[in-house]
Protein backbone atom coordinates (compact mmCIF):
# COMPACT_ATOMS: atom_id res chain seq x y z
CA MET A 1 0.02 -0.06 0.02
CA LEU A 2 1.23 3.55 -0.89
CA GLU A 3 2.71 5.26 2.13
CA GLU A 4 0.47 7.98 3.59
CA LYS A 5 1.01 11.35 1.85
CA PHE A 6 -0.16 14.93 2.76
CA VAL A 7 -1.35 17.37 0.12
CA SER A 8 -2.44 21.03 0.78
CA ILE A 9 -4.51 22.97 -1.32
CA PHE A 10 -5.11 26.54 -1.81
CA PRO A 11 -8.95 26.57 -2.90
CA TYR A 12 -9.43 29.81 -4.91
CA ASN A 13 -9.19 33.35 -3.31
CA GLY A 14 -11.41 34.15 -0.52
CA ASN A 15 -11.79 32.47 2.81
CA GLN A 16 -15.17 30.68 2.47
CA TYR A 17 -13.27 27.41 1.72
CA LEU A 18 -10.50 27.41 4.43
CA HIS A 19 -10.28 25.45 7.72
CA ASN A 20 -11.15 22.50 5.35
CA VAL A 21 -14.87 23.89 4.76
CA ALA A 22 -14.13 22.79 1.27
CA PHE A 23 -14.32 19.22 2.19
CA ASP A 24 -17.39 19.67 4.47
CA PHE A 25 -20.58 18.62 3.17
CA LYS A 26 -22.71 20.78 5.47
CA LYS A 27 -20.64 23.94 5.55
CA ASN A 28 -19.60 24.03 2.00
CA LYS A 29 -22.51 25.83 0.30
CA GLY A 30 -21.02 26.12 -3.13
CA ILE A 31 -22.72 24.52 -6.22
CA GLU A 32 -19.30 23.07 -7.09
CA LYS A 33 -18.88 21.47 -3.65
CA SER A 34 -19.01 18.02 -5.13
CA ILE A 35 -15.63 18.54 -6.87
CA PHE A 36 -13.85 18.89 -3.44
CA LEU A 37 -15.79 16.34 -1.71
CA THR A 38 -15.25 13.69 -4.52
CA LEU A 39 -11.57 14.54 -4.45
CA LYS A 40 -11.27 14.12 -0.95
CA LYS A 41 -12.81 10.69 -0.99
CA TYR A 42 -10.87 9.58 -4.04
CA LEU A 43 -7.49 10.54 -2.48
CA LYS A 44 -8.47 9.12 0.94
CA GLU A 45 -8.96 5.68 -0.71
CA ARG A 46 -5.39 5.75 -2.10
CA ASN A 47 -3.86 6.98 1.37
CA ILE A 48 -3.56 10.65 0.58
CA ASN A 49 -4.61 13.03 3.00
CA ILE A 50 -5.79 16.34 1.62
CA ASN A 51 -6.43 19.56 3.54
CA THR A 52 -6.70 23.28 2.99
CA TYR A 53 -3.21 24.96 3.25
CA ASP A 54 -4.06 26.66 6.60
CA ILE A 55 -4.37 23.25 8.39
CA SER A 56 -1.48 22.13 10.13
CA THR A 57 -0.60 18.18 9.62
CA LYS A 58 1.75 15.91 11.49
CA GLU A 59 3.91 15.56 8.21
CA THR A 60 5.07 18.26 5.69
CA SER A 61 3.06 18.26 2.51
CA TYR A 62 4.05 16.29 -0.56
CA ARG A 63 2.59 18.75 -2.80
CA TYR A 64 0.97 22.18 -2.47
CA VAL A 65 -1.64 22.68 -5.19
CA TYR A 66 -3.09 26.36 -5.68
CA PHE A 67 -6.42 26.77 -7.55
CA ASP A 68 -5.43 30.25 -8.82
CA LEU A 69 -2.63 32.48 -7.59
CA PRO A 70 -3.31 34.20 -4.23
CA TYR A 71 -3.93 37.76 -4.09
CA PRO A 72 -0.70 39.89 -3.47
CA TRP A 73 -1.84 40.77 -0.03
CA ASN A 74 -2.39 37.16 1.30
CA PHE A 75 0.97 37.09 3.04
CA SER A 76 0.62 33.78 4.59
CA ALA A 77 -0.19 31.97 1.16
CA TRP A 78 2.88 33.83 -0.73
CA LYS A 79 5.19 33.08 2.18
CA LEU A 80 4.17 29.32 1.63
CA ILE A 81 4.79 29.61 -1.91
CA LEU A 82 8.17 31.12 -1.50
CA THR A 83 9.32 28.49 0.96
CA SER A 84 7.95 25.39 -0.79
CA ARG A 85 8.68 26.17 -4.50
CA LYS A 86 9.90 22.65 -5.32
CA LYS A 87 6.50 21.38 -4.24
CA ASN A 88 4.14 23.83 -5.70
CA ILE A 89 1.54 23.38 -8.55
CA LEU A 90 -0.57 26.12 -9.92
CA ILE A 91 -3.90 25.41 -11.52
CA CYS A 92 -4.98 28.72 -13.49
CA ASN A 93 -8.73 28.58 -13.04
CA GLU A 94 -9.69 32.31 -13.53
CA SER A 95 -9.15 34.35 -16.54
CA SER A 96 -6.76 37.35 -16.96
CA LEU A 97 -9.67 39.72 -16.46
CA ILE A 98 -10.32 38.34 -12.94
CA ILE A 99 -6.63 37.47 -11.73
CA PRO A 100 -4.08 39.03 -14.22
CA PHE A 101 -1.17 37.94 -12.24
CA ASN A 102 -2.39 34.35 -12.95
CA TYR A 103 -0.39 34.62 -16.25
CA TRP A 104 2.57 36.45 -15.23
CA LYS A 105 5.31 34.02 -16.26
CA ILE A 106 7.77 35.44 -13.74
CA LEU A 107 5.58 34.10 -10.96
CA HIS A 108 5.38 30.74 -12.42
CA ALA A 109 9.03 30.34 -11.53
CA PHE A 110 7.70 29.36 -8.09
CA PHE A 111 5.77 26.22 -9.35
CA ILE A 112 7.02 23.02 -10.79
CA LYS A 113 4.05 22.68 -12.90
CA VAL A 114 1.17 24.81 -14.33
CA TYR A 115 -2.20 23.57 -15.71
CA THR A 116 -4.29 26.09 -17.54
CA TRP A 117 -7.09 26.00 -20.11
CA HIS A 118 -5.33 28.68 -22.21
CA GLU A 119 -3.59 26.49 -24.97
CA PRO A 120 -1.00 28.88 -26.34
CA LEU A 121 0.83 28.47 -23.03
CA ILE A 122 0.87 24.71 -23.05
CA ASP A 123 4.34 22.90 -23.80
CA HIS A 124 3.68 19.60 -22.01
CA LYS A 125 6.96 20.37 -20.02
CA LYS A 126 5.88 22.79 -17.39
CA TYR A 127 2.58 23.98 -18.73
CA PHE A 128 -0.20 21.36 -19.31
CA LYS A 129 -3.88 21.23 -20.38
CA ILE A 130 -6.57 21.09 -17.92
CA PHE A 131 -10.37 20.82 -18.22
CA LEU A 132 -11.55 23.00 -15.51
CA PRO A 133 -13.76 20.57 -13.28
CA LYS A 134 -17.48 20.96 -13.07
CA SER A 135 -19.97 19.59 -10.70
CA SER A 136 -22.39 16.91 -11.81
CA ILE A 137 -25.10 18.04 -9.00
CA GLY A 138 -28.22 18.63 -11.05
CA ALA A 139 -27.28 16.70 -14.21
CA LYS A 140 -30.35 14.38 -13.81
CA THR A 141 -32.83 17.21 -13.59
CA LYS A 142 -35.81 16.29 -15.68
CA PRO A 143 -36.87 18.91 -18.27
CA LYS A 144 -40.06 20.85 -17.51
CA GLU A 145 -42.72 21.16 -20.09
CA PHE A 146 -42.24 23.99 -22.74
CA ARG A 147 -45.38 25.96 -21.78
CA GLU A 148 -44.40 25.59 -18.22
CA LYS A 149 -41.30 27.58 -18.46
CA GLU A 150 -40.63 31.43 -18.37
CA PHE A 151 -38.88 32.86 -21.26
CA LEU A 152 -35.40 34.39 -20.65
CA VAL A 153 -33.09 34.77 -17.59
CA LEU A 154 -29.74 36.01 -16.63
CA ILE A 155 -27.94 34.95 -13.72
CA ASN A 156 -24.67 36.60 -12.68
CA LYS A 157 -23.10 38.39 -9.83
CA ASN A 158 -22.67 42.00 -10.50
CA THR A 159 -18.82 41.95 -9.79
CA LEU A 160 -15.83 44.08 -11.40
CA PRO A 161 -12.68 42.70 -12.72
CA PHE A 162 -9.51 42.92 -10.58
CA PHE A 163 -8.44 45.99 -12.45
CA PRO A 164 -10.47 48.02 -15.06
CA PHE A 165 -10.70 45.88 -18.02
CA GLN A 166 -9.98 48.79 -20.37
CA LEU A 167 -6.48 48.75 -19.18
CA LEU A 168 -6.03 44.91 -19.52
CA LYS A 169 -5.05 43.50 -23.09
CA TYR A 170 -3.66 40.21 -22.11
CA PHE A 171 -5.85 38.19 -24.48
CA GLY A 172 -9.33 37.96 -25.44
CA LYS A 173 -12.22 40.55 -25.60
CA GLU A 174 -14.14 41.30 -22.30
CA LEU A 175 -17.86 40.54 -22.25
CA TYR A 176 -18.71 42.48 -19.03
CA SER A 177 -19.87 45.48 -20.98
CA GLU A 178 -21.85 43.08 -23.44
CA ARG A 179 -23.60 41.50 -20.54
CA ILE A 180 -24.86 45.03 -19.57
CA LYS A 181 -25.86 45.76 -23.14
CA SER A 182 -28.00 42.69 -23.19
CA MET A 183 -29.79 43.55 -19.90
CA GLU A 184 -30.50 47.07 -21.03
CA PHE A 185 -31.93 45.64 -24.37
CA PHE A 186 -34.17 43.04 -22.91
CA GLU A 187 -35.27 44.94 -19.91
CA HIS A 188 -37.00 47.35 -22.40
CA ALA A 189 -37.84 44.89 -25.29
CA ILE A 190 -39.61 42.31 -23.12
CA PRO A 191 -39.95 43.53 -19.61
CA ASP A 192 -42.40 40.92 -18.65
CA LYS A 193 -40.55 37.94 -20.08
CA PHE A 194 -36.84 38.73 -18.94
CA PHE A 195 -35.55 38.29 -15.54
CA ILE A 196 -32.17 39.04 -13.67
CA TYR A 197 -31.02 37.16 -10.74
CA GLY A 198 -27.53 37.38 -8.76
CA ARG A 199 -25.88 39.17 -6.23
CA GLY A 200 -25.64 42.95 -6.52
CA TRP A 201 -27.92 44.04 -9.43
CA ASN A 202 -30.20 46.00 -6.89
CA LYS A 203 -27.25 48.33 -5.90
CA PRO A 204 -27.84 52.04 -6.45
CA LYS A 205 -25.69 53.95 -8.89
CA LYS A 206 -22.21 54.39 -7.27
CA TYR A 207 -19.80 55.58 -9.84
CA ASN A 208 -20.74 58.00 -12.79
CA LEU A 209 -17.53 56.94 -14.80
CA THR A 210 -18.55 53.19 -14.69
CA GLU A 211 -22.41 52.96 -14.06
CA LYS A 212 -23.17 52.19 -17.87
CA ILE A 213 -20.39 49.66 -18.08
CA PHE A 214 -20.68 47.86 -14.80
CA GLY A 215 -24.38 48.20 -14.24
CA PHE A 216 -24.51 50.04 -10.91
CA LYS A 217 -28.01 50.75 -11.11
CA LYS A 218 -31.39 49.39 -10.05
CA TYR A 219 -33.06 47.15 -12.59
CA SER A 220 -36.75 46.63 -12.56
CA ASN A 221 -36.38 42.98 -13.62
CA TYR A 222 -34.13 42.15 -10.98
CA LYS A 223 -35.54 39.33 -8.68
CA GLY A 224 -33.04 38.65 -6.17
CA GLU A 225 -30.05 36.32 -5.21
CA VAL A 226 -30.38 32.55 -6.03
CA ASP A 227 -30.49 29.80 -3.53
CA ASP A 228 -30.60 26.64 -6.08
CA LYS A 229 -29.31 27.64 -9.58
CA ILE A 230 -30.10 24.57 -11.34
CA GLU A 231 -33.66 24.58 -9.98
CA LEU A 232 -34.13 28.19 -11.19
CA LEU A 233 -32.56 27.65 -14.51
CA SER A 234 -34.97 24.63 -14.95
CA LYS A 235 -37.88 27.03 -14.88
CA PHE A 236 -36.69 28.89 -17.97
CA LYS A 237 -36.50 28.16 -21.78
CA TYR A 238 -33.39 30.29 -22.42
CA CYS A 239 -30.49 31.74 -20.37
CA LEU A 240 -28.17 34.46 -21.49
CA CYS A 241 -24.89 32.71 -20.88
CA PHE A 242 -21.83 35.03 -21.40
CA GLU A 243 -18.50 34.28 -20.27
CA ASN A 244 -16.19 36.96 -18.86
CA LEU A 245 -14.08 37.03 -22.18
CA THR A 246 -14.24 35.75 -25.66
CA ASP A 247 -11.86 35.38 -28.54
CA VAL A 248 -9.90 32.78 -26.55
CA ASN A 249 -9.93 28.95 -26.66
CA GLY A 250 -10.84 26.68 -23.92
CA ASN A 251 -12.19 29.19 -21.22
CA ILE A 252 -15.53 27.29 -20.56
CA THR A 253 -16.69 28.06 -17.14
CA GLU A 254 -19.63 26.45 -15.27
CA LYS A 255 -22.17 29.00 -16.55
CA VAL A 256 -22.99 26.82 -19.83
CA PHE A 257 -22.80 23.66 -17.71
CA ASP A 258 -25.32 24.91 -15.28
CA CYS A 259 -27.63 25.54 -18.14
CA LEU A 260 -27.27 22.16 -19.63
CA LYS A 261 -27.72 20.32 -16.24
CA ALA A 262 -31.04 22.32 -15.80
CA LYS A 263 -32.28 21.59 -19.39
CA CYS A 264 -32.36 25.42 -20.06
CA ILE A 265 -30.92 26.33 -23.41
CA PRO A 266 -27.95 28.61 -23.19
CA ILE A 267 -27.42 31.48 -25.38
CA TYR A 268 -23.61 31.29 -25.38
CA TRP A 269 -20.93 33.70 -25.98
CA GLY A 270 -17.38 33.00 -24.82
CA ALA A 271 -14.75 30.47 -25.90
CA SER A 272 -14.20 30.69 -29.54
CA ASP A 273 -13.81 26.85 -29.82
CA ILE A 274 -16.95 25.96 -27.87
CA GLU A 275 -18.26 23.54 -30.51
CA LYS A 276 -15.04 21.48 -30.00
CA TYR A 277 -16.50 20.52 -26.54
CA ILE A 278 -20.30 21.18 -26.75
CA PRO A 279 -22.28 20.29 -29.94
CA LYS A 280 -23.90 23.21 -31.86
CA ASN A 281 -27.27 21.60 -31.47
CA CYS A 282 -27.19 22.03 -27.73
CA PHE A 283 -26.97 25.67 -27.47
CA ILE A 284 -27.57 28.91 -29.25
CA ASP A 285 -24.49 30.81 -30.46
CA PHE A 286 -24.80 34.49 -29.81
CA ARG A 287 -22.20 34.99 -32.74
CA ASP A 288 -24.75 34.00 -35.32
CA PHE A 289 -26.90 37.17 -34.70
CA LYS A 290 -26.12 40.64 -35.86
CA ASP A 291 -27.60 42.33 -32.71
CA TYR A 292 -30.02 41.62 -29.83
CA GLN A 293 -33.18 42.24 -31.89
CA LYS A 294 -32.13 39.46 -34.36
CA LEU A 295 -31.51 37.08 -31.43
CA LEU A 296 -34.97 37.87 -29.99
CA ASP A 297 -36.60 37.45 -33.38
CA TYR A 298 -35.20 33.96 -33.54
CA LEU A 299 -36.04 33.04 -30.00
CA ASN A 300 -39.71 34.19 -30.79
CA SER A 301 -39.64 31.86 -33.90
CA ILE A 302 -38.61 28.68 -32.25
CA SER A 303 -41.50 26.27 -32.14
CA GLU A 304 -42.19 23.89 -29.31
CA ASP A 305 -40.95 20.92 -31.50
CA GLU A 306 -37.70 22.63 -32.34
CA TYR A 307 -37.13 23.63 -28.72
CA ASN A 308 -37.85 20.10 -27.45
CA SER A 309 -35.22 18.90 -30.09
CA TYR A 310 -32.47 21.13 -28.38
CA ILE A 311 -33.41 19.57 -25.03
CA LYS A 312 -33.29 16.09 -26.27
CA ASN A 313 -29.80 16.73 -27.55
CA ILE A 314 -28.87 18.21 -24.20
CA GLU A 315 -30.08 15.36 -22.24
CA TYR A 316 -28.10 12.97 -24.51
CA LEU A 317 -24.82 15.16 -24.06
CA VAL A 318 -24.95 15.27 -20.07
CA SER A 319 -25.52 11.53 -19.97
CA ASP A 320 -22.68 10.94 -22.57
CA LYS A 321 -19.86 8.83 -20.94
CA GLU A 322 -17.09 10.52 -22.70
CA PHE A 323 -18.51 14.04 -21.68
CA ILE A 324 -18.90 12.88 -18.02
CA GLU A 325 -15.49 11.45 -17.88
CA THR A 326 -13.93 14.69 -19.28
CA TRP A 327 -15.62 17.45 -17.36
CA PHE A 328 -17.25 16.17 -14.00
CA GLU A 329 -15.70 15.60 -10.63
CA GLY A 330 -14.92 11.96 -10.89
CA ALA A 331 -12.76 12.57 -13.84
CA PHE A 332 -11.06 15.56 -12.10
CA ALA A 333 -10.34 13.46 -9.03
CA LYS A 334 -8.43 10.89 -11.10
CA PHE A 335 -6.69 13.56 -13.25
CA PHE A 336 -5.57 15.21 -9.93
CA TYR A 337 -4.18 12.00 -8.57
CA GLU A 338 -2.64 10.60 -11.58
CA GLU A 339 -1.43 13.75 -13.42
CA ILE A 340 -1.27 16.66 -11.02
CA LEU A 341 0.17 14.68 -8.20
CA ASP A 342 1.98 12.39 -10.76
CA MET A 343 0.88 9.24 -8.61
CA LYS A 344 0.57 7.30 -11.93
CA ASN A 345 4.38 7.42 -12.25
CA TYR A 346 4.96 7.17 -8.64
CA ASP A 347 2.98 3.92 -8.29
CA LYS A 348 5.26 2.52 -10.88
CA ASN A 349 8.43 3.19 -9.04
């Protein structure tokens, strides 16, 4: 049997997952909690004890795995990075708009391996491809009847990039401003059929210079925060599903997956190579339309039979073995053990 090893993780920026909350079924309230819970169980079965980096263990850690680089003011995390550089592994989860220093190669010198979705970086020596893990929670949601569903929804937090995105030209085009444009259009075009959910959209105006870009205003269509995202999405025909940036390959977040699991058709704008991973018959590609009015005209033209055809394709996709073994938590746990921790080669020795 493999000798017991200890692994520490930095589970994204923020404190909500620390003190091993990431691995606590009751305390972890995130929709992606099954990723950490499955990882903990998978590694425990292989005699690997995993904890968040702030937990002391009787032995020093075999590896320190960072889900994104810590913010500069997180001195405890950076002290650990600087003193454990031969054990550090980085997973670049967020885009450069959210955490620009994720992609500063000078900081990658403190890591033995870097995993990223951004394919131009991948050299299979230090930089490796990763499919950012998604939770399978809600994947078996049964589709509601066409006539039972509301029309269109947007679910996003009203948050800002780390820096003003006009100053960031690392790669790709930001979609924050497009998200606001879509909200402004549908709020006026179909006020009774369009709904906004998520934290912060009911804030009063704050900054005159950014209110039109970042949406610091009260929206009449705002309905509040979300307790169960999958359940809410299942009540809608369509969801505006815009990533934080576009014109890049591989940056596919949970947004489109949540729609698919809920059997709600995503109106997607994001990764340029989305069709490489999700068939065109499972989503509506916003790039196919000249403007929001053309998109609305198309949505209004879709018959019940055409709509149900999309839903059947989605049901087939989320139950497909290859899809499951690429994206969901079980696949990530196996990948984490075999590739990130390199236990596949360790076992051979």
